[in-house]
Amino acid sequence: MKRSILRAAVVVAAAALVAVIPACGNRGGGGTGGGKSKVAIVTNCTDPFWDICEAGAKKAAGEFDVDLVFRQPANLDVAIQNEIVETVLKLGVKGLAVSVINPKEQTPDLKRIASQINLLTMDNDAPDSGRLCYVGVDNYDCGK
C-alpha cells in the first residue's frame, strides 16, 4: 500500500512537471505560434493508476494554461507505445513524458525525440535517452 501511494504521488508530480515544461525554453518542436503550449504524457499501459495521473495532469494543465494530450496504450507493447508517441509528436507537442516499456529497445527513438523536444521519463527510466530528467522511484530501494 505504501509503495502504491508513493508511486501515485511521484506520477502526479510528473504530471505537474510536464505542465511546466514550456517554461524550460524552446528546443524546437511545435507550439511556437503564440498559442497555448502543448505537452503530452504517454503511459506504458492502461491501468487505474494512470487514471489518477491523468486527473492530476489535467488539473496541472488547467492551472498552467497548457494543452494536454494524455494517452494510455492498451497493453505493455513497445510497438503500440511507439506508434502513439509518433502520433503525439505530429500534434506539435513541446514536451513529452513517457513511461518507457523497454529502455534498451526504445533508447534510439527517445534520443531522437529528446533532440527535438523536452523529454522526461517517468515511472520507468531510459537513462541514456537524452531525457531532461527521470521522475520515479528506485523499485529496489523502495522494496527494502
Protein backbone atom coordinates (compact mmCIF):
# COMPACT_ATOMS: atom_id res chain seq x y z
CA MET A 1 0.00 0.00 0.00
CA LYS A 2 2.80 2.41 0.96
CA ARG A 3 4.57 1.78 -2.37
CA SER A 4 1.41 2.45 -4.41
CA ILE A 5 0.82 5.76 -2.61
CA LEU A 6 4.42 6.79 -3.23
CA ARG A 7 4.15 5.74 -6.87
CA ALA A 8 0.93 7.73 -7.33
CA ALA A 9 2.49 10.80 -5.72
CA VAL A 10 5.52 10.57 -7.99
CA VAL A 11 3.43 10.31 -11.13
CA VAL A 12 1.15 13.19 -10.14
CA ALA A 13 4.33 15.21 -9.57
CA ALA A 14 5.46 14.18 -13.06
CA ALA A 15 2.18 15.41 -14.45
CA ALA A 16 2.67 18.78 -12.82
CA LEU A 17 6.24 18.88 -14.12
CA VAL A 18 5.05 18.17 -17.65
CA ALA A 19 2.65 21.08 -17.39
CA VAL A 20 5.50 23.49 -16.73
CA ILE A 21 7.88 22.14 -19.39
CA PRO A 22 7.17 25.06 -21.75
CA ALA A 23 8.81 27.37 -19.23
CA CYS A 24 12.06 25.43 -19.70
CA GLY A 25 12.73 27.13 -23.01
CA ASN A 26 12.20 26.18 -26.62
CA ARG A 27 14.28 23.34 -28.03
CA GLY A 28 12.45 23.18 -31.31
CA GLY A 29 9.18 21.32 -31.53
CA GLY A 30 5.74 22.81 -32.04
CA GLY A 31 3.65 25.28 -30.20
CA THR A 32 5.74 28.34 -31.01
CA GLY A 33 2.98 30.14 -32.91
CA GLY A 34 1.83 32.21 -29.94
CA GLY A 35 -0.97 29.87 -28.76
CA LYS A 36 -1.02 27.60 -25.77
CA SER A 37 1.90 25.23 -25.42
CA LYS A 38 1.02 21.57 -25.88
CA VAL A 39 2.52 18.76 -23.81
CA ALA A 40 1.89 15.02 -23.76
CA ILE A 41 2.04 12.07 -21.42
CA VAL A 42 2.24 8.54 -22.80
CA THR A 43 1.91 5.76 -20.25
CA ASN A 44 3.13 2.19 -20.55
CA CYS A 45 -0.34 0.57 -20.36
CA THR A 46 -3.94 1.17 -19.36
CA ASP A 47 -4.42 0.96 -15.61
CA PRO A 48 -6.46 2.72 -12.90
CA PHE A 49 -3.13 4.00 -11.57
CA TRP A 50 -2.71 6.04 -14.75
CA ASP A 51 -6.24 7.43 -14.37
CA ILE A 52 -5.00 9.13 -11.18
CA CYS A 53 -2.05 10.51 -13.10
CA GLU A 54 -4.34 11.79 -15.85
CA ALA A 55 -6.55 13.60 -13.34
CA GLY A 56 -3.50 15.31 -11.82
CA ALA A 57 -2.09 16.17 -15.23
CA LYS A 58 -5.39 17.70 -16.37
CA LYS A 59 -5.55 19.78 -13.20
CA ALA A 60 -1.97 21.00 -13.67
CA ALA A 61 -2.55 21.72 -17.36
CA GLY A 62 -5.53 23.88 -16.46
CA GLU A 63 -3.60 25.74 -13.77
CA PHE A 64 -0.64 26.41 -16.09
CA ASP A 65 -2.76 27.10 -19.19
CA VAL A 66 -1.27 24.30 -21.29
CA ASP A 67 -2.94 21.90 -23.72
CA LEU A 68 -2.52 18.31 -22.57
CA VAL A 69 -2.52 15.12 -24.62
CA PHE A 70 -2.74 12.01 -22.44
CA ARG A 71 -2.55 8.55 -23.99
CA GLN A 72 -2.62 5.06 -22.47
CA PRO A 73 -1.63 2.09 -24.67
CA ALA A 74 -3.95 -0.90 -24.36
CA ASN A 75 -1.12 -3.10 -23.08
CA LEU A 76 2.63 -3.30 -22.47
CA ASP A 77 3.56 -3.37 -26.15
CA VAL A 78 6.54 -1.32 -27.35
CA ALA A 79 5.26 -1.13 -30.94
CA ILE A 80 1.90 0.24 -29.82
CA GLN A 81 3.52 2.75 -27.46
CA ASN A 82 5.97 3.91 -30.15
CA GLU A 83 3.10 4.41 -32.60
CA ILE A 84 1.25 6.50 -30.02
CA VAL A 85 4.38 8.57 -29.34
CA GLU A 86 4.89 9.25 -33.06
CA THR A 87 1.24 10.29 -33.43
CA VAL A 88 1.54 12.62 -30.44
CA LEU A 89 4.71 14.19 -31.86
CA LYS A 90 2.81 15.06 -35.06
CA LEU A 91 0.47 17.17 -32.91
CA GLY A 92 3.32 19.62 -32.26
CA VAL A 93 3.94 18.98 -28.58
CA LYS A 94 6.76 20.91 -26.89
CA GLY A 95 7.22 18.36 -24.13
CA LEU A 96 6.66 14.65 -23.65
CA ALA A 97 6.69 12.47 -20.56
CA VAL A 98 6.78 8.75 -21.25
CA SER A 99 6.75 5.65 -19.08
CA VAL A 100 9.24 3.60 -21.04
CA ILE A 101 8.37 -0.07 -21.58
CA ASN A 102 11.72 -1.36 -22.85
CA PRO A 103 14.57 1.12 -22.29
CA LYS A 104 17.14 -0.79 -24.33
CA GLU A 105 14.87 -1.09 -27.36
CA GLN A 106 13.39 2.40 -27.15
CA THR A 107 16.51 4.46 -26.36
CA PRO A 108 17.45 5.23 -30.00
CA ASP A 109 13.98 6.67 -30.73
CA LEU A 110 13.92 8.51 -27.41
CA LYS A 111 17.31 10.09 -28.21
CA ARG A 112 15.90 11.39 -31.48
CA ILE A 113 12.85 12.78 -29.68
CA ALA A 114 14.98 14.37 -26.93
CA SER A 115 16.97 16.23 -29.59
CA GLN A 116 13.73 17.81 -30.87
CA ILE A 117 11.59 18.50 -27.80
CA ASN A 118 11.72 18.39 -24.00
CA LEU A 119 11.59 14.74 -22.90
CA LEU A 120 11.01 13.29 -19.44
CA THR A 121 10.84 9.67 -18.45
CA MET A 122 8.55 8.69 -15.61
CA ASP A 123 7.79 5.56 -13.66
CA ASN A 124 10.25 3.60 -15.85
CA ASP A 125 13.53 5.18 -16.96
CA ALA A 126 15.73 5.14 -20.04
CA PRO A 127 18.86 6.77 -18.61
CA ASP A 128 20.76 7.00 -21.91
CA SER A 129 17.87 8.58 -23.84
CA GLY A 130 18.91 12.22 -23.52
CA ARG A 131 15.85 12.92 -21.37
CA LEU A 132 15.85 16.04 -19.18
CA CYS A 133 15.11 14.00 -16.06
CA TYR A 134 13.55 10.86 -14.67
CA VAL A 135 10.66 11.16 -12.25
CA GLY A 136 10.11 7.99 -10.29
CA VAL A 137 11.41 5.76 -7.58
CA ASP A 138 14.11 3.13 -7.47
CA ASN A 139 11.98 -0.01 -7.19
CA TYR A 140 14.80 -1.91 -5.48
CA ASP A 141 15.25 0.74 -2.78
CA CYS A 142 11.50 1.16 -2.44
CA GLY A 143 11.10 -2.54 -1.82
CA LYS A 144 13.53 -2.52 1.12
